[in-house]
């Protein structure tokens, strides 16, 4: 299941984080990072998914 979440996180980083943590602070941080640059959003999303 984590592999599927990581694939989703690569395509749509906020969605991958949302599936992992819901509407927590990490989700909003990921939206901000994705808006600032797509790559930071991906890195953060994969980190959140791999950490939990």
Protein backbone atom coordinates (compact mmCIF):
# COMPACT_ATOMS: atom_id res chain seq x y z
CA UNK A 1 0.00 0.00 0.00
CA UNK A 2 2.88 2.38 0.69
CA UNK A 3 4.16 1.87 -2.85
CA UNK A 4 0.82 3.04 -4.23
CA UNK A 5 0.89 6.09 -1.94
CA UNK A 6 4.41 6.93 -3.09
CA UNK A 7 3.33 6.74 -6.73
CA UNK A 8 0.39 9.02 -5.97
CA UNK A 9 2.76 11.36 -4.10
CA UNK A 10 4.96 11.65 -7.18
CA UNK A 11 2.00 12.57 -9.38
CA UNK A 12 0.04 14.69 -6.86
CA UNK A 13 2.07 15.31 -3.69
CA UNK A 14 -0.75 16.84 -1.57
CA UNK A 15 -3.02 13.89 -2.32
CA UNK A 16 -0.36 11.41 -1.18
CA UNK A 17 0.10 13.30 2.09
CA UNK A 18 -3.66 13.61 2.56
CA UNK A 19 -4.09 9.84 2.22
CA UNK A 20 -1.43 9.36 4.90
CA UNK A 21 -2.26 12.04 7.51
CA UNK A 22 -5.56 13.68 6.54
CA UNK A 23 -5.97 17.43 7.06
CA UNK A 24 -3.06 17.68 9.50
CA UNK A 25 -0.37 20.34 9.40
CA UNK A 26 1.81 18.21 7.10
CA UNK A 27 -0.91 18.38 4.44
CA UNK A 28 -1.00 22.18 4.46
CA UNK A 29 2.78 22.37 4.50
CA UNK A 30 2.89 20.10 1.49
CA UNK A 31 0.45 22.29 -0.42
CA UNK A 32 2.67 25.28 0.29
CA UNK A 33 5.81 23.43 -0.77
CA UNK A 34 4.13 22.18 -3.94
CA UNK A 35 3.06 25.72 -4.84
CA UNK A 36 6.60 27.00 -4.27
CA UNK A 37 8.09 24.23 -6.37
CA UNK A 38 6.91 20.83 -7.49
CA UNK A 39 10.09 19.01 -6.42
CA UNK A 40 10.02 20.15 -2.76
CA UNK A 41 6.41 18.96 -2.58
CA UNK A 42 7.38 15.53 -3.88
CA UNK A 43 10.32 15.21 -1.49
CA UNK A 44 8.17 16.19 1.49
CA UNK A 45 5.35 13.83 0.47
CA UNK A 46 7.67 10.84 0.07
CA UNK A 47 9.31 11.68 3.41
CA UNK A 48 5.93 11.81 5.19
CA UNK A 49 4.81 8.51 3.65
CA UNK A 50 8.10 6.70 4.33
CA UNK A 51 8.31 7.99 7.91
CA UNK A 52 4.93 6.60 9.01
